[in-house]
């Protein structure tokens, strides 16, 4: 399953816990005070003013498909 901007952040972290390191490496936290960010990945990245959302998602997909 490919990661898209429509996936809920909580679902992303549950299915692919290894992505936490990718977020941290890009100086982003997938967590809010209440736990996992309660939005879609696309909404979270836009709220955090990520310039290249498509590139970020592409990197996540490369990470989960690496052996």
N, C-alpha and C. Protein backbone atom coordinates (compact mmCIF):
# COMPACT_ATOMS: atom_id res chain seq x y z
N UNK A 1 0.84 -1.19 0.00
CA UNK A 1 0.00 0.00 0.00
C UNK A 1 0.88 1.24 0.00
N UNK A 2 0.63 2.13 -0.90
CA UNK A 2 1.41 3.37 -0.97
C UNK A 2 0.83 4.40 0.00
N UNK A 3 1.71 5.18 0.57
CA UNK A 3 1.30 6.28 1.44
C UNK A 3 0.86 7.44 0.55
N UNK A 4 -0.26 8.05 0.91
CA UNK A 4 -0.75 9.23 0.20
C UNK A 4 -1.01 10.34 1.22
N UNK A 5 -1.29 11.51 0.73
CA UNK A 5 -1.59 12.64 1.62
C UNK A 5 -2.93 12.46 2.32
N UNK A 6 -3.73 11.50 1.89
CA UNK A 6 -5.05 11.28 2.48
C UNK A 6 -5.03 10.37 3.71
N UNK A 7 -3.91 9.73 4.00
CA UNK A 7 -3.85 8.83 5.14
C UNK A 7 -3.85 9.63 6.44
N UNK A 8 -4.58 9.14 7.43
CA UNK A 8 -4.56 9.76 8.74
C UNK A 8 -3.18 9.55 9.36
N UNK A 9 -2.63 10.54 10.01
CA UNK A 9 -1.29 10.44 10.60
C UNK A 9 -1.25 9.28 11.60
N UNK A 10 -2.28 9.14 12.40
CA UNK A 10 -2.32 8.05 13.38
C UNK A 10 -2.24 6.69 12.70
N UNK A 11 -2.96 6.51 11.61
CA UNK A 11 -2.93 5.26 10.85
C UNK A 11 -1.54 5.02 10.25
N UNK A 12 -0.93 6.07 9.73
CA UNK A 12 0.41 5.98 9.17
C UNK A 12 1.40 5.47 10.22
N UNK A 13 1.35 6.05 11.41
CA UNK A 13 2.28 5.65 12.47
C UNK A 13 2.01 4.24 12.97
N UNK A 14 0.76 3.84 12.96
CA UNK A 14 0.41 2.49 13.40
C UNK A 14 0.90 1.45 12.41
N UNK A 15 0.70 1.70 11.11
CA UNK A 15 1.10 0.75 10.07
C UNK A 15 2.60 0.74 9.82
N UNK A 16 3.22 1.91 9.91
CA UNK A 16 4.63 2.05 9.55
C UNK A 16 5.39 2.81 10.64
N UNK A 17 5.62 2.21 11.79
CA UNK A 17 6.29 2.94 12.88
C UNK A 17 7.68 3.45 12.51
N UNK A 18 8.29 2.85 11.51
CA UNK A 18 9.63 3.29 11.10
C UNK A 18 9.65 4.69 10.49
N UNK A 19 8.49 5.24 10.15
CA UNK A 19 8.47 6.58 9.56
C UNK A 19 8.74 7.69 10.57
N UNK A 20 8.65 7.37 11.86
CA UNK A 20 8.91 8.40 12.89
C UNK A 20 10.30 8.99 12.70
N UNK A 21 11.29 8.14 12.43
CA UNK A 21 12.64 8.63 12.20
C UNK A 21 12.74 9.55 10.99
N UNK A 22 11.96 9.27 9.96
CA UNK A 22 11.95 10.11 8.75
C UNK A 22 11.42 11.51 9.09
N UNK A 23 10.33 11.55 9.87
CA UNK A 23 9.79 12.84 10.30
C UNK A 23 10.84 13.62 11.09
N UNK A 24 11.47 12.95 12.04
CA UNK A 24 12.46 13.62 12.89
C UNK A 24 13.65 14.10 12.06
N UNK A 25 14.09 13.29 11.11
CA UNK A 25 15.21 13.69 10.25
C UNK A 25 14.89 14.94 9.44
N UNK A 26 13.60 15.17 9.20
CA UNK A 26 13.16 16.36 8.45
C UNK A 26 12.64 17.46 9.37
N UNK A 27 13.00 17.33 10.66
CA UNK A 27 12.67 18.35 11.67
C UNK A 27 11.17 18.58 11.83
N UNK A 28 10.42 17.48 11.72
CA UNK A 28 8.97 17.52 11.92
C UNK A 28 8.60 16.49 12.97
N UNK A 29 7.58 16.77 13.73
CA UNK A 29 7.05 15.79 14.67
C UNK A 29 5.68 15.36 14.19
N UNK A 30 5.43 14.05 14.12
CA UNK A 30 4.10 13.59 13.74
C UNK A 30 3.13 13.58 14.92
N UNK A 31 3.55 14.14 16.05
CA UNK A 31 2.74 14.13 17.26
C UNK A 31 2.30 15.54 17.63
N UNK A 32 1.15 15.61 18.26
CA UNK A 32 0.68 16.84 18.87
C UNK A 32 0.62 16.59 20.37
N UNK A 33 0.17 17.53 21.13
CA UNK A 33 0.06 17.35 22.58
C UNK A 33 -0.88 16.20 22.93
N UNK A 34 -1.83 15.91 22.07
CA UNK A 34 -2.83 14.87 22.34
C UNK A 34 -2.43 13.50 21.80
N UNK A 35 -1.23 13.37 21.24
CA UNK A 35 -0.80 12.10 20.65
C UNK A 35 -0.49 12.29 19.18
N UNK A 36 -0.87 11.30 18.38
CA UNK A 36 -0.64 11.42 16.94
C UNK A 36 -1.43 12.60 16.40
N UNK A 37 -0.88 13.26 15.41
CA UNK A 37 -1.52 14.45 14.84
C UNK A 37 -2.90 14.06 14.30
N UNK A 38 -3.98 14.70 14.75
CA UNK A 38 -5.35 14.27 14.39
C UNK A 38 -5.82 14.79 13.04
N UNK A 39 -5.00 14.63 12.03
CA UNK A 39 -5.35 15.10 10.68
C UNK A 39 -4.78 14.13 9.67
N UNK A 40 -5.07 14.41 8.40
CA UNK A 40 -4.42 13.62 7.36
C UNK A 40 -2.97 14.08 7.24
N UNK A 41 -2.18 13.25 6.61
CA UNK A 41 -0.78 13.60 6.39
C UNK A 41 -0.67 14.91 5.61
N UNK A 42 -1.48 15.05 4.56
CA UNK A 42 -1.44 16.27 3.76
C UNK A 42 -1.81 17.51 4.56
N UNK A 43 -2.83 17.40 5.40
CA UNK A 43 -3.24 18.54 6.24
C UNK A 43 -2.13 18.89 7.23
N UNK A 44 -1.51 17.86 7.83
CA UNK A 44 -0.45 18.11 8.79
C UNK A 44 0.75 18.79 8.13
N UNK A 45 1.14 18.29 6.96
CA UNK A 45 2.30 18.87 6.28
C UNK A 45 2.02 20.31 5.84
N UNK A 46 0.80 20.57 5.39
CA UNK A 46 0.44 21.94 5.00
C UNK A 46 0.44 22.85 6.23
N UNK A 47 -0.10 22.36 7.35
CA UNK A 47 -0.13 23.16 8.58
C UNK A 47 1.28 23.45 9.08
N UNK A 48 2.21 22.53 8.83
CA UNK A 48 3.59 22.71 9.26
C UNK A 48 4.43 23.43 8.20
N UNK A 49 3.76 23.89 7.15
CA UNK A 49 4.36 24.67 6.06
C UNK A 49 5.50 23.95 5.35
N UNK A 50 5.30 22.66 5.11
CA UNK A 50 6.28 21.89 4.33
C UNK A 50 6.17 22.34 2.88
N UNK A 51 7.28 22.74 2.30
CA UNK A 51 7.29 23.30 0.94
C UNK A 51 7.05 22.25 -0.14
N UNK A 52 7.65 21.06 0.03
CA UNK A 52 7.55 20.02 -0.99
C UNK A 52 6.82 18.80 -0.41
N UNK A 53 5.50 18.92 -0.34
CA UNK A 53 4.69 17.85 0.23
C UNK A 53 4.83 16.57 -0.60
N UNK A 54 4.79 16.69 -1.91
CA UNK A 54 4.92 15.51 -2.76
C UNK A 54 6.27 14.82 -2.54
N UNK A 55 7.32 15.59 -2.41
CA UNK A 55 8.64 15.04 -2.16
C UNK A 55 8.73 14.33 -0.82
N UNK A 56 8.08 14.91 0.19
CA UNK A 56 8.06 14.30 1.52
C UNK A 56 7.35 12.95 1.47
N UNK A 57 6.19 12.91 0.81
CA UNK A 57 5.42 11.67 0.68
C UNK A 57 6.20 10.65 -0.13
N UNK A 58 6.88 11.09 -1.17
CA UNK A 58 7.70 10.18 -1.97
C UNK A 58 8.79 9.55 -1.10
N UNK A 59 9.42 10.36 -0.26
CA UNK A 59 10.45 9.84 0.64
C UNK A 59 9.89 8.80 1.61
N UNK A 60 8.70 9.04 2.13
CA UNK A 60 8.07 8.06 3.02
C UNK A 60 7.82 6.75 2.27
N UNK A 61 7.34 6.83 1.04
CA UNK A 61 7.09 5.62 0.27
C UNK A 61 8.37 4.87 -0.04
N UNK A 62 9.43 5.59 -0.32
CA UNK A 62 10.72 4.93 -0.56
C UNK A 62 11.19 4.23 0.71
N UNK A 63 10.98 4.84 1.85
CA UNK A 63 11.39 4.26 3.11
C UNK A 63 10.65 2.95 3.39
N UNK A 64 9.33 2.95 3.21
CA UNK A 64 8.56 1.73 3.54
C UNK A 64 8.75 0.62 2.52
N UNK A 65 9.22 0.96 1.32
CA UNK A 65 9.43 -0.08 0.32
C UNK A 65 10.87 -0.57 0.27
N UNK A 66 11.75 0.02 1.07
CA UNK A 66 13.14 -0.43 1.13
C UNK A 66 13.20 -1.78 1.83
N UNK A 67 14.09 -2.66 1.37
CA UNK A 67 14.21 -3.98 2.00
C UNK A 67 14.71 -3.92 3.42
